[in-house]
Every structure is written in C-alpha cells, then in structure tokens.
Amino acid sequence: MDWRATARSTDAAGPPLARPSPAPAAAGVPLAIDARVDIPSRIAAWIDPSLDALRLSSSLQLTRSAAGSVAAAYASRGDRVGLLDAFGFGAPLRPAGGHRQLELLRRRLAGLAVPSTSIEPSRTPAPAPGTLVYFFSPLLEPDTAAVPARWVRSGHIVAVVDTLPVPDDTGLPAAEAQALALLLATRAAVLAELAGEGIPVLPAGNLREAVEGWSLQRARSRTVPGGAR
C-alpha cells in the first residue's frame, strides 16, 4: 500500500492506493562470470601451457560445471536465469525461464574463454535491483572483490563461488613455488575483503551442499526466537 499517495487522494472514501512492485524473484537469478584468467590445476602448466593442453581441470572448467548446475537447479524450479560477464566482456544473456533458455546458457558457458587483449570491456553490468547473484571466480586478481562488494552495497544478495582448482605443485621448482606463494597471498587478501563485506564464498567442487547450507544459514539469520521474522 502507498499510504502517502492515499493521504494525498481527494477521495477520502475510496480504497487505499497500491503501488505495484515486482517480487525479487521476478528479476531472475543472474550468474556472473569472471573469465579473465583460466588457471589449470597443474601449476607447472601456468608457465608451460603445453603440459596441460586439454585443460581438463581448470578454473573455467569448474566455472562451466558449477554455473551449469546452478542454472539447471533454478530452471527446474521455474525461476528465470541469466548470464553476464562480471567485468563487462561480452553481451549478457538476460534472465528467462524454460528449456530453451537453459540450452542457450549452456552454450554460452561451453564457449567461455579468456577475453582477447584487443577486446575493450564495456561498463560493468548491474543486475536487476534486489536479485540473488552468483559470482564465479578463481579469486586471483586484486580487484576481484570490488564488483560483488558493490552489488551487496546496492542491495543485492551475492554468493561467490570459488572456481580455483586444487593446486598440484608436484615437482615445482623454487622460482615457481615463490610465484605461487605470491599469488596465493593476493588471493588471501581478496578472500579477506569478501569476508569483511559479509559475502559468503562457496566451493565449486561441493557446490550443491554448500548452497543448501548457506540457504539454511540465511533462513535462520532472518528468524528470531519465537518464530517471528
């Protein structure tokens, strides 16, 4: 009910005036992708890509799998699902429902690739107000936390899905081991920034259970003793 508009109305005997507002679910569930890097699990392949040419286990592979699972789960409930590049590379896929939308989304995920250096990103996309956003990233770039943090401050609910594969440092030379330590230090800073914003980080490898646990935690946090919300 719009009580201010009702008070201004000249028809005192008329019914209260209502202002239509879409439910948050109507905006859909956007899946935001950070595809700026593709990190294989075998650390030696970071320097020599030929050591893992097929990229059977990499951050983009985990992104494809995890985002596809989330999309299928929400689509099966009748929710609208969309896809966007969190840093403005490529056109977004607007939220929609149905089998055709799910197939379009899967095709977009299958074609994920690190953007060419010749591609200029557009303005960082903004999801519809009040939506639930899943943000998929290996969390390796220093500015990674800035985008989900901005969305949270704008009133969105954001869950970050960690897509970095478990590093395999077998036979790693000392120089590469030092580089790995520096990279993981950057990642630790990103994780600390997300924690400071209250943004949960869910593992891509065990995503279904992690999402269920996070959803239960959110439900409990909105409930006070006595059952009132």
Protein backbone atom coordinates (compact mmCIF):
# COMPACT_ATOMS: atom_id res chain seq x y z
CA MET A 1 0.00 0.00 0.00
CA ASP A 2 1.16 3.52 -0.84
CA TRP A 3 -0.05 5.36 2.26
CA ARG A 4 1.42 8.72 1.22
CA ALA A 5 -0.42 8.65 -2.10
CA THR A 6 -3.59 7.57 -0.28
CA ALA A 7 -3.30 10.52 2.12
CA ARG A 8 -2.96 12.91 -0.82
CA SER A 9 -6.02 11.48 -2.55
CA THR A 10 -9.14 13.67 -2.70
CA ASP A 11 -11.39 10.61 -2.47
CA ALA A 12 -11.41 10.01 1.28
CA ALA A 13 -13.97 7.22 0.97
CA GLY A 14 -12.05 5.40 -1.74
CA PRO A 15 -9.89 2.30 -1.23
CA PRO A 16 -6.18 2.67 -0.32
CA LEU A 17 -3.90 3.17 -3.28
CA ALA A 18 -1.38 0.45 -4.06
CA ARG A 19 1.93 0.81 -5.84
CA PRO A 20 2.83 -2.31 -7.84
CA SER A 21 6.34 -3.60 -7.23
CA PRO A 22 7.79 -6.75 -8.77
CA ALA A 23 8.90 -9.52 -6.45
CA PRO A 24 12.66 -10.05 -6.32
CA ALA A 25 12.22 -13.48 -7.91
CA ALA A 26 10.70 -11.82 -10.97
CA ALA A 27 14.08 -10.33 -11.78
CA GLY A 28 15.63 -13.76 -12.15
CA VAL A 29 18.90 -15.21 -10.89
CA PRO A 30 21.94 -13.78 -12.73
CA LEU A 31 25.11 -15.86 -12.88
CA ALA A 32 28.11 -13.51 -13.04
CA ILE A 33 31.31 -14.91 -14.54
CA ASP A 34 34.90 -13.79 -14.02
CA ALA A 35 36.63 -15.28 -17.07
CA ARG A 36 39.71 -13.05 -17.13
CA VAL A 37 42.01 -15.99 -16.41
CA ASP A 38 41.89 -19.76 -16.89
CA ILE A 39 44.03 -21.44 -14.25
CA PRO A 40 44.84 -25.16 -14.63
CA SER A 41 45.27 -27.27 -11.52
CA ARG A 42 48.80 -28.31 -12.55
CA ILE A 43 50.93 -25.35 -11.55
CA ALA A 44 53.74 -26.19 -13.96
CA ALA A 45 51.21 -25.59 -16.78
CA TRP A 46 50.85 -21.97 -15.67
CA ILE A 47 54.26 -21.37 -17.24
CA ASP A 48 54.20 -24.06 -19.94
CA PRO A 49 50.58 -24.49 -21.16
CA SER A 50 51.60 -27.49 -23.29
CA LEU A 51 51.87 -29.51 -20.08
CA ASP A 52 48.08 -29.32 -19.72
CA ALA A 53 46.89 -28.56 -23.25
CA LEU A 54 43.43 -30.09 -22.77
CA ARG A 55 42.71 -28.09 -19.62
CA LEU A 56 40.75 -30.99 -18.15
CA SER A 57 40.86 -29.34 -14.73
CA SER A 58 40.95 -25.56 -14.77
CA SER A 59 39.11 -22.59 -13.32
CA LEU A 60 36.96 -22.12 -16.44
CA GLN A 61 36.10 -25.82 -16.49
CA LEU A 62 34.93 -25.56 -12.88
CA THR A 63 33.00 -22.41 -13.80
CA ARG A 64 31.20 -24.18 -16.65
CA SER A 65 30.27 -27.11 -14.45
CA ALA A 66 29.24 -25.13 -11.37
CA ALA A 67 27.30 -22.43 -13.23
CA GLY A 68 25.54 -25.05 -15.35
CA SER A 69 24.46 -26.91 -12.21
CA VAL A 70 23.15 -23.74 -10.57
CA ALA A 71 21.28 -22.76 -13.74
CA ALA A 72 19.68 -26.21 -14.07
CA ALA A 73 18.62 -26.22 -10.41
CA TYR A 74 16.89 -22.84 -10.61
CA ALA A 75 15.38 -23.51 -14.04
CA SER A 76 13.85 -26.75 -12.75
CA ARG A 77 12.01 -24.69 -10.12
CA GLY A 78 10.61 -22.38 -12.77
CA ASP A 79 12.93 -19.49 -11.94
CA ARG A 80 14.40 -17.20 -14.56
CA VAL A 81 18.17 -17.48 -15.01
CA GLY A 82 20.60 -15.18 -16.82
CA LEU A 83 24.32 -14.92 -17.51
CA LEU A 84 26.66 -11.94 -17.55
CA ASP A 85 30.37 -11.22 -17.61
CA ALA A 86 31.11 -9.55 -14.29
CA PHE A 87 33.76 -7.30 -15.83
CA GLY A 88 31.93 -6.22 -18.97
CA PHE A 89 33.39 -8.56 -21.61
CA GLY A 90 30.66 -9.85 -23.91
CA ALA A 91 26.93 -9.26 -24.06
CA PRO A 92 24.78 -10.52 -21.17
CA LEU A 93 22.14 -13.20 -21.52
CA ARG A 94 19.02 -11.68 -19.99
CA PRO A 95 17.19 -13.75 -17.35
CA ALA A 96 14.46 -16.00 -18.77
CA GLY A 97 12.92 -19.35 -18.00
CA GLY A 98 12.32 -22.55 -19.87
CA HIS A 99 14.31 -25.26 -21.57
CA ARG A 100 15.41 -23.04 -24.46
CA GLN A 101 16.95 -20.50 -22.07
CA LEU A 102 18.82 -23.26 -20.26
CA GLU A 103 20.24 -24.53 -23.56
CA LEU A 104 21.32 -21.01 -24.54
CA LEU A 105 23.01 -20.58 -21.21
CA ARG A 106 24.83 -23.92 -21.52
CA ARG A 107 26.09 -22.92 -24.97
CA ARG A 108 27.40 -19.64 -23.60
CA LEU A 109 29.17 -21.50 -20.81
CA ALA A 110 30.67 -24.01 -23.25
CA GLY A 111 32.14 -21.13 -25.23
CA LEU A 112 33.73 -19.38 -22.27
CA ALA A 113 37.26 -18.21 -22.99
CA VAL A 114 39.71 -15.68 -21.62
CA PRO A 115 38.98 -12.35 -23.38
CA SER A 116 41.43 -11.21 -26.02
CA THR A 117 43.64 -8.27 -25.04
CA SER A 118 42.19 -6.42 -28.04
CA ILE A 119 38.69 -6.56 -26.55
CA GLU A 120 37.72 -3.49 -24.55
CA PRO A 121 35.31 -4.21 -21.69
CA SER A 122 32.07 -2.29 -21.61
CA ARG A 123 30.72 -0.73 -18.44
CA THR A 124 30.44 -3.27 -15.62
CA PRO A 125 26.88 -4.69 -15.82
CA ALA A 126 24.46 -4.22 -12.96
CA PRO A 127 21.93 -6.95 -12.09
CA ALA A 128 18.30 -6.00 -11.54
CA PRO A 129 17.72 -4.47 -8.08
CA GLY A 130 17.33 -6.88 -5.18
CA THR A 131 18.31 -10.03 -7.05
CA LEU A 132 20.26 -13.04 -5.86
CA VAL A 133 23.57 -13.12 -7.75
CA TYR A 134 26.07 -15.98 -8.03
CA PHE A 135 29.58 -14.73 -8.81
CA PHE A 136 32.02 -17.34 -10.20
CA SER A 137 35.74 -16.57 -9.92
CA PRO A 138 39.13 -18.12 -9.04
CA LEU A 139 39.69 -15.01 -6.87
CA LEU A 140 43.20 -14.31 -8.10
CA GLU A 141 43.02 -10.72 -9.34
CA PRO A 142 43.44 -7.93 -6.74
CA ASP A 143 40.25 -6.14 -7.86
CA THR A 144 38.04 -9.25 -7.81
CA ALA A 145 36.15 -8.41 -4.61
CA ALA A 146 35.22 -4.91 -5.77
CA VAL A 147 32.36 -6.00 -8.05
CA PRO A 148 30.45 -8.31 -5.65
CA ALA A 149 31.06 -5.82 -2.83
CA ARG A 150 29.47 -3.04 -4.90
CA TRP A 151 26.48 -5.25 -5.66
CA VAL A 152 25.99 -6.06 -1.97
CA ARG A 153 26.07 -2.38 -1.09
CA SER A 154 23.41 -1.81 -3.77
CA GLY A 155 21.04 -4.22 -2.03
CA HIS A 156 21.77 -7.47 -3.85
CA ILE A 157 22.28 -10.85 -2.23
CA VAL A 158 25.60 -12.21 -3.52
CA ALA A 159 27.27 -15.59 -3.15
CA VAL A 160 30.79 -16.06 -4.52
CA VAL A 161 31.64 -19.47 -5.99
CA ASP A 162 35.36 -20.24 -5.76
CA THR A 163 36.46 -21.83 -9.04
CA LEU A 164 40.19 -22.24 -8.40
CA PRO A 165 41.10 -25.94 -8.75
CA VAL A 166 43.17 -27.53 -6.00
CA PRO A 167 46.77 -26.62 -6.98
CA ASP A 168 49.04 -29.52 -7.94
CA ASP A 169 52.57 -28.38 -7.09
CA THR A 170 54.27 -31.70 -7.80
CA GLY A 171 57.92 -31.16 -8.74
CA LEU A 172 57.60 -27.39 -8.69
CA PRO A 173 60.95 -25.51 -8.96
CA ALA A 174 61.80 -22.95 -6.29
CA ALA A 175 61.12 -19.92 -8.50
CA GLU A 176 57.65 -21.16 -9.44
CA ALA A 177 56.93 -22.05 -5.82
CA GLN A 178 57.72 -18.48 -4.83
CA ALA A 179 55.44 -17.14 -7.58
CA LEU A 180 52.67 -19.43 -6.32
CA ALA A 181 53.12 -18.11 -2.78
CA LEU A 182 52.74 -14.52 -4.00
CA LEU A 183 49.64 -15.41 -6.00
CA LEU A 184 48.04 -17.16 -3.04
CA ALA A 185 48.82 -14.13 -0.88
CA THR A 186 46.87 -11.97 -3.32
CA ARG A 187 44.03 -14.48 -3.20
CA ALA A 188 44.07 -14.41 0.61
CA ALA A 189 43.67 -10.64 0.51
CA VAL A 190 40.68 -10.99 -1.84
CA LEU A 191 39.09 -13.58 0.48
CA ALA A 192 39.63 -11.28 3.47
CA GLU A 193 37.96 -8.41 1.61
CA LEU A 194 34.95 -10.58 0.78
CA ALA A 195 34.72 -11.73 4.40
CA GLY A 196 34.81 -8.10 5.52
CA GLU A 197 31.81 -7.40 3.30
CA GLY A 198 29.97 -10.42 4.71
CA ILE A 199 29.94 -12.17 1.32
CA PRO A 200 29.98 -15.99 1.55
CA VAL A 201 32.49 -17.96 -0.55
CA LEU A 202 31.23 -21.37 -1.66
CA PRO A 203 33.43 -24.15 -3.11
CA ALA A 204 32.67 -25.05 -6.73
CA GLY A 205 33.65 -28.67 -6.13
CA ASN A 206 30.95 -29.26 -3.50
CA LEU A 207 28.53 -26.58 -4.58
CA ARG A 208 25.14 -28.21 -4.05
CA GLU A 209 25.77 -28.97 -0.37
CA ALA A 210 27.38 -25.56 0.13
CA VAL A 211 24.39 -23.72 -1.38
CA GLU A 212 21.97 -25.72 0.76
CA GLY A 213 23.96 -24.94 3.90
CA TRP A 214 24.19 -21.25 3.01
CA SER A 215 20.44 -21.05 2.28
CA LEU A 216 19.68 -22.67 5.64
CA GLN A 217 22.01 -20.24 7.39
CA ARG A 218 20.29 -17.28 5.72
CA ALA A 219 16.88 -18.60 6.72
CA ARG A 220 17.98 -18.96 10.34
CA SER A 221 19.52 -15.49 10.42
CA ARG A 222 16.15 -13.99 9.39
CA THR A 223 14.35 -15.81 12.21
CA VAL A 224 14.24 -14.50 15.78
CA PRO A 225 13.28 -16.53 18.91
CA GLY A 226 9.58 -17.27 18.95
CA GLY A 227 9.35 -17.87 15.20
CA ALA A 228 8.74 -14.24 14.15
CA ARG A 229 10.54 -12.90 11.09
